[in-house]
Protein backbone atom coordinates (compact mmCIF):
# COMPACT_ATOMS: atom_id res chain seq x y z
CA MET A 1 37.30 -1.19 71.73
CA THR A 2 37.86 -2.03 68.06
CA ASN A 3 37.82 0.28 65.07
CA PRO A 4 34.44 1.60 63.92
CA ASN A 5 32.64 -0.81 61.64
CA PRO A 6 29.08 -0.98 60.24
CA THR A 7 28.72 -4.36 61.96
CA LEU A 8 27.94 -4.46 65.68
CA TYR A 9 28.86 -7.40 67.89
CA ILE A 10 26.38 -7.91 70.73
CA LYS A 11 27.08 -10.24 73.64
CA ASN A 12 25.49 -11.13 76.97
CA LEU A 13 22.18 -11.92 75.27
CA ASN A 14 19.69 -14.25 76.93
CA ASP A 15 20.49 -17.65 75.38
CA ARG A 16 17.08 -19.11 76.23
CA ILE A 17 15.38 -17.05 73.52
CA ASN A 18 14.44 -18.78 70.26
CA LYS A 19 16.90 -17.89 67.45
CA ASP A 20 14.22 -16.59 65.07
CA GLU A 21 12.59 -14.50 67.80
CA LEU A 22 15.98 -13.10 68.83
CA ARG A 23 16.77 -12.07 65.25
CA ALA A 24 13.35 -10.45 64.82
CA GLN A 25 13.57 -8.56 68.12
CA LEU A 26 17.11 -7.30 67.43
CA TYR A 27 16.01 -6.18 63.97
CA ALA A 28 13.04 -4.28 65.41
CA LEU A 29 15.17 -2.80 68.20
CA PHE A 30 17.94 -1.47 65.95
CA LEU A 31 15.92 -0.55 62.82
CA PRO A 32 15.08 3.01 64.00
CA HIS A 33 18.81 3.85 63.87
CA GLY A 34 19.24 3.07 60.16
CA PRO A 35 18.92 0.46 57.42
CA ILE A 36 19.94 -3.05 58.48
CA LEU A 37 21.49 -5.47 55.98
CA ASP A 38 21.52 -8.56 58.18
CA VAL A 39 21.10 -9.90 61.71
CA VAL A 40 23.14 -12.99 62.53
CA ALA A 41 22.25 -14.96 65.66
CA LEU A 42 23.48 -18.52 66.02
CA LYS A 43 22.66 -21.03 68.73
CA THR A 44 25.85 -23.08 68.52
CA ALA A 45 27.76 -23.73 71.74
CA LYS A 46 30.43 -21.19 70.77
CA MET A 47 28.03 -18.42 69.64
CA ARG A 48 25.23 -18.81 72.19
CA GLY A 49 24.24 -15.46 73.71
CA GLN A 50 25.89 -13.45 70.92
CA ALA A 51 24.71 -11.80 67.72
CA PHE A 52 25.83 -9.49 64.92
CA VAL A 53 23.75 -6.65 63.51
CA VAL A 54 24.96 -5.40 60.12
CA PHE A 55 24.05 -1.82 59.27
CA GLN A 56 24.25 -0.22 55.86
CA ASP A 57 26.52 2.56 57.13
CA MET A 58 28.77 3.36 60.05
CA ILE A 59 26.72 6.35 61.26
CA ALA A 60 23.70 4.13 61.95
CA ALA A 61 25.87 1.53 63.70
CA THR A 62 27.45 4.18 65.93
CA ALA A 63 24.06 5.66 66.83
CA ALA A 64 22.70 2.21 67.72
CA LEU A 65 25.77 1.36 69.79
CA ARG A 66 25.49 4.56 71.81
CA ALA A 67 21.72 4.24 72.27
CA TRP A 68 21.61 0.62 73.42
CA GLN A 69 24.95 -0.02 75.18
CA GLY A 70 24.18 -1.58 78.58
CA GLU A 71 20.39 -1.48 78.14
CA MET A 72 18.32 -4.42 79.36
CA PHE A 73 17.19 -6.89 76.68
CA TYR A 74 15.28 -9.97 77.87
CA ASP A 75 16.38 -9.35 81.46
CA LYS A 76 20.11 -9.05 80.67
CA PRO A 77 22.22 -5.93 79.94
CA MET A 78 23.57 -5.91 76.36
CA HIS A 79 27.28 -5.44 75.77
CA ILE A 80 27.78 -3.91 72.33
CA GLU A 81 30.96 -3.18 70.42
CA TYR A 82 32.08 -2.89 66.83
CA ALA A 83 32.82 -6.20 65.15
CA LYS A 84 36.49 -6.99 64.53
CA SER A 85 36.02 -7.56 60.80
CA LYS A 86 33.53 -6.68 58.10
CA SER A 87 30.58 -8.98 57.64
CA TRP A 88 29.87 -10.84 54.42
CA ALA A 89 26.80 -8.63 53.89
CA THR A 90 29.00 -5.51 54.05
CA LEU A 91 31.60 -7.02 51.70
CA LYS A 92 28.83 -8.03 49.28
CA ALA A 93 27.42 -4.48 49.34
CA GLU A 94 30.88 -3.04 48.63
CA ASP A 95 31.79 -5.60 45.91
CA PRO A 96 28.98 -7.26 43.92
CA ASN A 97 31.42 -10.00 42.80
CA PHE A 98 32.12 -11.09 46.38
CA VAL A 99 31.51 -14.79 47.00
CA PRO A 100 31.31 -15.73 50.72
CA GLY A 101 33.57 -18.45 52.02
CA ILE A 102 36.20 -18.61 49.29
CA GLY A 103 39.36 -18.09 51.27
CA ARG A 104 41.03 -14.91 52.33
CA THR A 105 41.78 -13.64 48.84
CA ASN A 106 38.16 -13.89 47.72
CA LEU A 107 39.05 -15.48 44.39
CA PRO A 108 36.09 -15.93 42.06
CA ALA A 109 34.55 -19.36 42.06
CA PRO A 110 35.95 -21.62 39.29
CA PRO A 111 33.64 -22.82 36.51
CA ARG A 112 31.83 -26.06 37.29
CA GLY A 113 34.06 -29.11 37.08
CA GLU A 114 37.33 -27.16 37.24
CA LYS A 115 39.68 -26.66 40.16
CA ARG A 116 40.79 -23.29 41.39
CA PRO A 117 44.50 -22.70 40.62
CA ARG A 118 46.81 -22.62 43.61
CA GLU A 119 48.09 -19.18 44.53
CA ASP A 120 51.71 -20.25 45.00
CA GLY A 121 51.92 -22.19 41.71
CA THR A 122 53.05 -25.46 43.31
CA GLU A 123 50.53 -27.69 41.56
CA GLY A 124 53.23 -29.50 39.55
CA ASP A 125 55.44 -29.98 42.61
CA ARG A 126 52.57 -31.46 44.50
CA ALA A 127 51.76 -33.96 41.73
CA ALA A 128 55.43 -34.98 41.55
CA LYS A 129 55.45 -35.80 45.26
CA LYS A 130 52.56 -38.25 44.83
CA VAL A 131 54.50 -40.48 42.38
CA ALA A 132 56.21 -43.41 44.12
CA PRO A 133 60.01 -43.43 43.69
CA GLU A 134 61.58 -46.09 41.44
CA PRO A 135 63.15 -48.99 43.38
CA THR A 136 66.92 -48.83 43.60
CA GLU A 137 69.23 -51.56 42.37
CA GLU A 138 69.83 -52.75 45.93
CA GLU A 139 66.11 -53.18 46.54
CA MET A 140 65.81 -55.24 43.33
CA ASP A 141 68.61 -57.58 44.44
CA LEU A 142 66.93 -58.22 47.78
CA GLU A 143 63.86 -59.66 46.12
CA ASP A 144 65.85 -62.35 44.30
CA ASP A 145 64.83 -65.75 45.82
CA SER A 146 67.43 -68.18 44.41
């Protein structure tokens, strides 16, 4: 089991249920345990039969995990555990300046039309590598057709 987290990872869900219905039913099922920030249910091949429920606090997430672990949901027993990492909704609640999907360091988005600076400062080195090297004297002599 992973460390406690306000986000619950639920697996072994019935993958024949419509995504919107699944989200609505999970929301209704877990809402009595505390405020919910988000319910994420995807139907991609990798995420089919899985969902994340993001609670506002850890107490509500723990109560929901204990109450519904192994209970039947659409004819299948739910397997619930804490998510391995914090969800974007939790990070956004903790830091209003959080912008989802901008790398691990969560750098602020650059102004329109500008590039984000590289963290390691190798921008000049990279530009130098793109320039073609000057031909050597031997290469110049080879092209002489006399």
